[in-house]
Amino acid sequence: MTKENKNIATNLLLHINGGLGKCIMATAVIASYKRTFPDAKVIVVSGYPEVFVNNPYVYKNFPFATPNLWTDYYGNPDYKVSAADPY
């Protein structure tokens, strides 16, 4: 990691709004992200959390209705939050 990237959080909270197709496409995005940042923890919040069960690149995975996501993850400065479409 270069000096300018030293203080940038590499852990990722990926918020996926959309259907099953977007969740499946996100698995490729997560794999690519882990190749770039192999030590990063990737947490997924989606409407189809079963897509990410047993995915070796996903640290944790939650459905939208999980309590305390905002206090535990969204507001945590150790995580970058991404809600972009995986397409």
N, C-alpha and C. Protein backbone atom coordinates (compact mmCIF):
# COMPACT_ATOMS: atom_id res chain seq x y z
N MET A 1 0.84 -1.16 0.00
CA MET A 1 0.00 0.00 0.00
C MET A 1 0.89 1.24 0.00
N THR A 2 0.58 2.19 -0.82
CA THR A 2 1.39 3.41 -0.90
C THR A 2 1.10 4.33 0.27
N LYS A 3 1.97 5.34 0.45
CA LYS A 3 1.81 6.26 1.57
C LYS A 3 0.48 7.00 1.52
N GLU A 4 0.06 7.44 0.34
CA GLU A 4 -1.19 8.19 0.25
C GLU A 4 -2.41 7.32 0.53
N ASN A 5 -2.31 6.01 0.37
CA ASN A 5 -3.42 5.10 0.65
C ASN A 5 -3.37 4.53 2.06
N LYS A 6 -2.36 4.87 2.82
CA LYS A 6 -2.16 4.25 4.12
C LYS A 6 -3.33 4.47 5.08
N ASN A 7 -3.94 5.64 5.06
CA ASN A 7 -5.01 5.95 6.00
C ASN A 7 -6.41 5.71 5.45
N ILE A 8 -6.52 5.15 4.26
CA ILE A 8 -7.82 4.90 3.65
C ILE A 8 -8.31 3.52 4.10
N ALA A 9 -9.54 3.49 4.59
CA ALA A 9 -10.12 2.21 5.00
C ALA A 9 -10.34 1.34 3.77
N THR A 10 -9.95 0.10 3.85
CA THR A 10 -10.16 -0.82 2.73
C THR A 10 -11.31 -1.77 3.00
N ASN A 11 -11.78 -1.85 4.24
CA ASN A 11 -12.94 -2.68 4.53
C ASN A 11 -14.14 -2.08 3.80
N LEU A 12 -15.01 -2.95 3.30
CA LEU A 12 -16.10 -2.49 2.45
C LEU A 12 -17.44 -2.97 2.99
N LEU A 13 -18.38 -2.06 3.07
CA LEU A 13 -19.77 -2.39 3.34
C LEU A 13 -20.52 -2.18 2.04
N LEU A 14 -20.95 -3.26 1.43
CA LEU A 14 -21.62 -3.19 0.13
C LEU A 14 -23.12 -3.33 0.34
N HIS A 15 -23.83 -2.26 0.05
CA HIS A 15 -25.29 -2.21 0.19
C HIS A 15 -25.88 -2.41 -1.20
N ILE A 16 -26.61 -3.49 -1.40
CA ILE A 16 -27.14 -3.82 -2.72
C ILE A 16 -28.65 -3.66 -2.73
N ASN A 17 -29.11 -2.60 -3.38
CA ASN A 17 -30.55 -2.40 -3.59
C ASN A 17 -30.89 -3.07 -4.91
N GLY A 18 -31.86 -3.92 -4.89
CA GLY A 18 -32.26 -4.54 -6.14
C GLY A 18 -32.55 -6.00 -5.96
N GLY A 19 -32.68 -6.65 -7.08
CA GLY A 19 -33.11 -8.03 -7.08
C GLY A 19 -31.99 -9.04 -7.07
N LEU A 20 -32.38 -10.25 -7.35
CA LEU A 20 -31.46 -11.38 -7.32
C LEU A 20 -30.33 -11.22 -8.33
N GLY A 21 -30.61 -10.69 -9.50
CA GLY A 21 -29.59 -10.50 -10.53
C GLY A 21 -28.48 -9.57 -10.08
N LYS A 22 -28.84 -8.48 -9.41
CA LYS A 22 -27.83 -7.54 -8.91
C LYS A 22 -26.97 -8.20 -7.84
N CYS A 23 -27.58 -9.02 -7.01
CA CYS A 23 -26.81 -9.73 -5.98
C CYS A 23 -25.83 -10.71 -6.61
N ILE A 24 -26.27 -11.42 -7.63
CA ILE A 24 -25.38 -12.37 -8.30
C ILE A 24 -24.24 -11.64 -9.00
N MET A 25 -24.54 -10.51 -9.65
CA MET A 25 -23.48 -9.72 -10.29
C MET A 25 -22.50 -9.18 -9.26
N ALA A 26 -22.98 -8.87 -8.08
CA ALA A 26 -22.12 -8.32 -7.03
C ALA A 26 -21.07 -9.33 -6.57
N THR A 27 -21.31 -10.62 -6.75
CA THR A 27 -20.30 -11.61 -6.35
C THR A 27 -19.01 -11.42 -7.14
N ALA A 28 -19.12 -11.05 -8.41
CA ALA A 28 -17.94 -10.78 -9.24
C ALA A 28 -17.24 -9.50 -8.78
N VAL A 29 -18.02 -8.50 -8.40
CA VAL A 29 -17.45 -7.24 -7.90
C VAL A 29 -16.68 -7.50 -6.61
N ILE A 30 -17.25 -8.30 -5.74
CA ILE A 30 -16.60 -8.62 -4.46
C ILE A 30 -15.31 -9.39 -4.70
N ALA A 31 -15.31 -10.34 -5.59
CA ALA A 31 -14.09 -11.10 -5.90
C ALA A 31 -13.00 -10.18 -6.43
N SER A 32 -13.35 -9.26 -7.28
CA SER A 32 -12.39 -8.30 -7.82
C SER A 32 -11.86 -7.39 -6.71
N TYR A 33 -12.73 -6.94 -5.85
CA TYR A 33 -12.31 -6.07 -4.75
C TYR A 33 -11.32 -6.80 -3.83
N LYS A 34 -11.60 -8.07 -3.56
CA LYS A 34 -10.71 -8.85 -2.69
C LYS A 34 -9.36 -9.13 -3.36
N ARG A 35 -9.33 -9.18 -4.68
CA ARG A 35 -8.03 -9.32 -5.37
C ARG A 35 -7.21 -8.05 -5.19
N THR A 36 -7.87 -6.90 -5.19
CA THR A 36 -7.19 -5.62 -5.01
C THR A 36 -6.81 -5.38 -3.56
N PHE A 37 -7.69 -5.72 -2.65
CA PHE A 37 -7.48 -5.53 -1.20
C PHE A 37 -7.67 -6.87 -0.49
N PRO A 38 -6.69 -7.77 -0.54
CA PRO A 38 -6.88 -9.11 0.00
C PRO A 38 -7.13 -9.17 1.51
N ASP A 39 -6.70 -8.17 2.25
CA ASP A 39 -6.90 -8.18 3.71
C ASP A 39 -8.19 -7.49 4.14
N ALA A 40 -8.94 -6.96 3.20
CA ALA A 40 -10.16 -6.23 3.52
C ALA A 40 -11.27 -7.19 3.95
N LYS A 41 -12.11 -6.68 4.84
CA LYS A 41 -13.32 -7.41 5.23
C LYS A 41 -14.47 -6.82 4.42
N VAL A 42 -15.22 -7.70 3.77
CA VAL A 42 -16.35 -7.26 2.96
C VAL A 42 -17.64 -7.71 3.65
N ILE A 43 -18.49 -6.75 3.93
CA ILE A 43 -19.79 -7.01 4.53
C ILE A 43 -20.84 -6.63 3.50
N VAL A 44 -21.82 -7.51 3.31
CA VAL A 44 -22.87 -7.29 2.32
C VAL A 44 -24.21 -7.14 3.02
N VAL A 45 -24.97 -6.12 2.61
CA VAL A 45 -26.34 -5.93 3.07
C VAL A 45 -27.21 -5.96 1.82
N SER A 46 -28.15 -6.91 1.76
CA SER A 46 -28.96 -7.06 0.55
C SER A 46 -30.31 -7.68 0.86
N GLY A 47 -31.14 -7.71 -0.15
CA GLY A 47 -32.44 -8.36 -0.04
C GLY A 47 -32.36 -9.87 -0.25
N TYR A 48 -31.23 -10.34 -0.73
CA TYR A 48 -31.03 -11.77 -0.97
C TYR A 48 -29.73 -12.24 -0.31
N PRO A 49 -29.68 -12.25 1.01
CA PRO A 49 -28.43 -12.61 1.69
C PRO A 49 -28.01 -14.05 1.44
N GLU A 50 -28.94 -14.90 1.06
CA GLU A 50 -28.58 -16.31 0.81
C GLU A 50 -27.62 -16.46 -0.36
N VAL A 51 -27.56 -15.48 -1.25
CA VAL A 51 -26.61 -15.53 -2.37
C VAL A 51 -25.17 -15.53 -1.87
N PHE A 52 -24.92 -14.90 -0.74
CA PHE A 52 -23.56 -14.72 -0.25
C PHE A 52 -23.14 -15.72 0.82
N VAL A 53 -24.02 -16.64 1.17
CA VAL A 53 -23.69 -17.68 2.14
C VAL A 53 -22.57 -18.55 1.56
N ASN A 54 -21.56 -18.79 2.33
CA ASN A 54 -20.40 -19.62 1.94
C ASN A 54 -19.52 -18.98 0.87
N ASN A 55 -19.72 -17.71 0.58
CA ASN A 55 -18.83 -17.01 -0.35
C ASN A 55 -17.53 -16.72 0.41
N PRO A 56 -16.40 -17.23 -0.06
CA PRO A 56 -15.16 -17.07 0.70
C PRO A 56 -14.67 -15.63 0.79
N TYR A 57 -15.19 -14.73 -0.03
CA TYR A 57 -14.75 -13.34 -0.03
C TYR A 57 -15.60 -12.45 0.89
N VAL A 58 -16.71 -12.96 1.36
CA VAL A 58 -17.63 -12.18 2.19
C VAL A 58 -17.38 -12.50 3.66
N TYR A 59 -17.06 -11.45 4.41
CA TYR A 59 -16.80 -11.60 5.84
C TYR A 59 -18.10 -11.79 6.63
N LYS A 60 -19.08 -10.93 6.36
CA LYS A 60 -20.41 -11.04 6.96
C LYS A 60 -21.44 -10.61 5.95
N ASN A 61 -22.69 -11.06 6.16
CA ASN A 61 -23.74 -10.79 5.21
C ASN A 61 -25.05 -10.69 5.96
N PHE A 62 -25.80 -9.62 5.67
CA PHE A 62 -27.01 -9.32 6.42
C PHE A 62 -28.17 -8.98 5.49
N PRO A 63 -29.41 -9.30 5.91
CA PRO A 63 -30.59 -8.79 5.21
C PRO A 63 -30.83 -7.34 5.62
N PHE A 64 -31.66 -6.63 4.87
CA PHE A 64 -31.92 -5.23 5.15
C PHE A 64 -32.47 -4.97 6.55
N ALA A 65 -33.29 -5.85 7.06
CA ALA A 65 -34.00 -5.62 8.32
C ALA A 65 -33.16 -5.93 9.56
N THR A 66 -31.89 -6.12 9.43
CA THR A 66 -31.04 -6.44 10.57
C THR A 66 -30.91 -5.21 11.48
N PRO A 67 -31.20 -5.37 12.78
CA PRO A 67 -31.06 -4.23 13.68
C PRO A 67 -29.59 -3.85 13.90
N ASN A 68 -29.37 -2.59 14.21
CA ASN A 68 -28.05 -2.03 14.57
C ASN A 68 -27.04 -1.96 13.43
N LEU A 69 -27.45 -2.13 12.19
CA LEU A 69 -26.50 -2.00 11.09
C LEU A 69 -25.93 -0.59 11.01
N TRP A 70 -26.79 0.41 11.25
CA TRP A 70 -26.31 1.79 11.16
C TRP A 70 -25.27 2.08 12.22
N THR A 71 -25.49 1.68 13.42
CA THR A 71 -24.54 1.98 14.50
C THR A 71 -23.29 1.12 14.41
N ASP A 72 -23.44 -0.12 13.96
CA ASP A 72 -22.30 -1.04 13.93
C ASP A 72 -21.43 -0.90 12.69
N TYR A 73 -22.03 -0.62 11.55
CA TYR A 73 -21.26 -0.65 10.30
C TYR A 73 -21.34 0.63 9.49
N TYR A 74 -22.54 1.13 9.20
CA TYR A 74 -22.65 2.31 8.34
C TYR A 74 -21.94 3.53 8.93
N GLY A 75 -21.98 3.67 10.23
CA GLY A 75 -21.33 4.80 10.88
C GLY A 75 -19.90 4.54 11.30
N ASN A 76 -19.37 3.37 10.98
CA ASN A 76 -18.03 2.98 11.39
C ASN A 76 -17.00 3.51 10.38
N PRO A 77 -16.05 4.33 10.83
CA PRO A 77 -15.06 4.90 9.89
C PRO A 77 -14.08 3.86 9.32
N ASP A 78 -14.09 2.65 9.85
CA ASP A 78 -13.21 1.60 9.32
C ASP A 78 -13.76 0.98 8.04
N TYR A 79 -15.00 1.31 7.66
CA TYR A 79 -15.62 0.74 6.47
C TYR A 79 -15.95 1.82 5.44
N LYS A 80 -15.63 1.53 4.18
CA LYS A 80 -16.13 2.34 3.07
C LYS A 80 -17.52 1.78 2.75
N VAL A 81 -18.45 2.66 2.50
CA VAL A 81 -19.82 2.23 2.17
C VAL A 81 -20.04 2.45 0.68
N SER A 82 -20.52 1.42 0.01
CA SER A 82 -20.81 1.52 -1.41
C SER A 82 -22.23 1.02 -1.65
N ALA A 83 -23.01 1.83 -2.34
CA ALA A 83 -24.37 1.44 -2.69
C ALA A 83 -24.58 1.55 -4.20
N ALA A 84 -23.51 1.46 -4.97
CA ALA A 84 -23.60 1.56 -6.42
C ALA A 84 -24.09 0.25 -7.02
N ASP A 85 -24.69 0.35 -8.21
CA ASP A 85 -25.11 -0.85 -8.91
C ASP A 85 -23.90 -1.66 -9.36
N PRO A 86 -23.96 -2.99 -9.26
CA PRO A 86 -22.83 -3.80 -9.72
C PRO A 86 -22.75 -3.95 -11.23
N TYR A 87 -23.74 -3.43 -11.97
CA TYR A 87 -23.74 -3.58 -13.42
C TYR A 87 -22.73 -2.65 -14.05
